[in-house]
N, C-alpha and C. Protein backbone atom coordinates (compact mmCIF):
# COMPACT_ATOMS: atom_id res chain seq x y z
N UNK A 1 2.48 7.86 -14.81
CA UNK A 1 3.30 7.11 -13.85
C UNK A 1 4.40 6.37 -14.60
N UNK A 2 5.59 6.95 -14.57
CA UNK A 2 6.69 6.37 -15.33
C UNK A 2 7.52 5.41 -14.51
N UNK A 3 7.52 5.60 -13.20
CA UNK A 3 8.31 4.74 -12.33
C UNK A 3 7.74 3.33 -12.26
N UNK A 4 8.59 2.35 -12.00
CA UNK A 4 8.11 0.96 -11.89
C UNK A 4 7.26 0.77 -10.64
N UNK A 5 6.13 0.10 -10.76
CA UNK A 5 5.30 -0.15 -9.58
C UNK A 5 6.02 -1.03 -8.56
N UNK A 6 7.07 -1.69 -9.00
CA UNK A 6 7.84 -2.54 -8.09
C UNK A 6 8.39 -1.73 -6.92
N UNK A 7 8.74 -0.48 -7.18
CA UNK A 7 9.33 0.36 -6.13
C UNK A 7 8.32 0.59 -5.01
N UNK A 8 7.07 0.84 -5.38
CA UNK A 8 6.02 1.06 -4.38
C UNK A 8 5.80 -0.22 -3.59
N UNK A 9 5.79 -1.34 -4.29
CA UNK A 9 5.60 -2.64 -3.63
C UNK A 9 6.76 -2.92 -2.68
N UNK A 10 7.96 -2.58 -3.13
CA UNK A 10 9.15 -2.78 -2.30
C UNK A 10 9.05 -1.97 -1.02
N UNK A 11 8.55 -0.74 -1.15
CA UNK A 11 8.36 0.11 0.02
C UNK A 11 7.39 -0.51 1.00
N UNK A 12 6.31 -1.08 0.45
CA UNK A 12 5.31 -1.73 1.29
C UNK A 12 5.90 -2.93 2.01
N UNK A 13 6.66 -3.73 1.27
CA UNK A 13 7.28 -4.92 1.85
C UNK A 13 8.22 -4.52 2.98
N UNK A 14 9.00 -3.46 2.72
CA UNK A 14 9.95 -2.98 3.72
C UNK A 14 9.21 -2.53 4.98
N UNK A 15 8.11 -1.77 4.76
CA UNK A 15 7.32 -1.28 5.89
C UNK A 15 6.75 -2.43 6.70
N UNK A 16 6.15 -3.40 6.02
CA UNK A 16 5.53 -4.52 6.73
C UNK A 16 6.59 -5.34 7.45
N UNK A 17 7.77 -5.44 6.85
CA UNK A 17 8.86 -6.17 7.50
C UNK A 17 9.29 -5.48 8.79
N UNK A 18 9.36 -4.15 8.74
CA UNK A 18 9.74 -3.39 9.94
C UNK A 18 8.66 -3.54 11.01
N UNK A 19 7.39 -3.43 10.60
CA UNK A 19 6.30 -3.57 11.55
C UNK A 19 6.33 -4.94 12.21
N UNK A 20 6.60 -5.96 11.41
CA UNK A 20 6.61 -7.33 11.92
C UNK A 20 7.72 -7.50 12.95
N UNK A 21 8.93 -7.05 12.63
CA UNK A 21 10.03 -7.25 13.58
C UNK A 21 9.87 -6.34 14.79
N UNK A 22 9.23 -5.19 14.60
CA UNK A 22 9.00 -4.29 15.74
C UNK A 22 7.99 -4.92 16.70
N UNK A 23 6.97 -5.54 16.15
CA UNK A 23 5.93 -6.14 17.00
C UNK A 23 6.49 -7.32 17.79
N UNK A 24 7.52 -7.96 17.24
CA UNK A 24 8.16 -9.08 17.95
C UNK A 24 9.27 -8.58 18.87
N UNK A 25 9.57 -7.27 18.77
CA UNK A 25 10.61 -6.70 19.62
C UNK A 25 12.02 -6.96 19.11
N UNK A 26 12.15 -7.29 17.81
CA UNK A 26 13.48 -7.57 17.27
C UNK A 26 14.23 -6.29 16.90
N UNK A 27 13.51 -5.31 16.35
CA UNK A 27 14.18 -4.07 15.95
C UNK A 27 14.25 -3.11 17.11
N UNK A 28 15.23 -2.23 17.05
CA UNK A 28 15.32 -1.15 18.03
C UNK A 28 14.37 -0.04 17.59
N UNK A 29 13.91 0.78 18.52
CA UNK A 29 13.04 1.90 18.13
C UNK A 29 13.69 2.81 17.08
N UNK A 30 15.02 2.95 17.16
CA UNK A 30 15.72 3.79 16.19
C UNK A 30 15.54 3.24 14.77
N UNK A 31 15.63 1.92 14.64
CA UNK A 31 15.45 1.29 13.33
C UNK A 31 14.07 1.61 12.79
N UNK A 32 13.08 1.51 13.65
CA UNK A 32 11.70 1.76 13.23
C UNK A 32 11.51 3.21 12.82
N UNK A 33 12.01 4.14 13.63
CA UNK A 33 11.80 5.55 13.33
C UNK A 33 12.51 5.97 12.04
N UNK A 34 13.57 5.27 11.68
CA UNK A 34 14.26 5.57 10.43
C UNK A 34 13.58 4.86 9.27
N UNK A 35 13.26 3.59 9.45
CA UNK A 35 12.76 2.77 8.35
C UNK A 35 11.35 3.15 7.91
N UNK A 36 10.49 3.50 8.85
CA UNK A 36 9.11 3.82 8.47
C UNK A 36 9.03 5.06 7.59
N UNK A 37 9.61 6.20 7.99
CA UNK A 37 9.56 7.36 7.09
C UNK A 37 10.24 7.09 5.75
N UNK A 38 11.33 6.33 5.78
CA UNK A 38 12.03 6.00 4.54
C UNK A 38 11.12 5.22 3.61
N UNK A 39 10.44 4.22 4.16
CA UNK A 39 9.51 3.43 3.36
C UNK A 39 8.38 4.28 2.82
N UNK A 40 7.87 5.18 3.64
CA UNK A 40 6.79 6.06 3.21
C UNK A 40 7.26 6.97 2.08
N UNK A 41 8.45 7.53 2.24
CA UNK A 41 9.00 8.42 1.21
C UNK A 41 9.21 7.64 -0.08
N UNK A 42 9.76 6.45 0.00
CA UNK A 42 9.99 5.63 -1.19
C UNK A 42 8.68 5.38 -1.91
N UNK A 43 7.64 5.04 -1.15
CA UNK A 43 6.34 4.78 -1.76
C UNK A 43 5.80 6.04 -2.42
N UNK A 44 5.88 7.17 -1.72
CA UNK A 44 5.35 8.42 -2.25
C UNK A 44 6.10 8.81 -3.52
N UNK A 45 7.42 8.68 -3.50
CA UNK A 45 8.24 9.03 -4.66
C UNK A 45 7.89 8.14 -5.84
N UNK A 46 7.78 6.85 -5.60
CA UNK A 46 7.51 5.92 -6.70
C UNK A 46 6.10 6.11 -7.24
N UNK A 47 5.15 6.51 -6.39
CA UNK A 47 3.78 6.72 -6.85
C UNK A 47 3.66 8.03 -7.62
N UNK A 48 4.42 9.04 -7.24
CA UNK A 48 4.33 10.34 -7.92
C UNK A 48 5.23 10.38 -9.15
N UNK A 49 6.15 9.43 -9.28
CA UNK A 49 7.07 9.41 -10.41
C UNK A 49 6.34 9.16 -11.72
């Protein structure tokens, strides 16, 4: 694992932030559908790096 673990943590933070604002109804569904896969991809990339 050569990539910094910070990237995976950042992905998690981003995901939880999206979930939090979505649950409060602050984000639009479009934001959620874009941000969640992006966060997942970032985490997967950083973990496999």
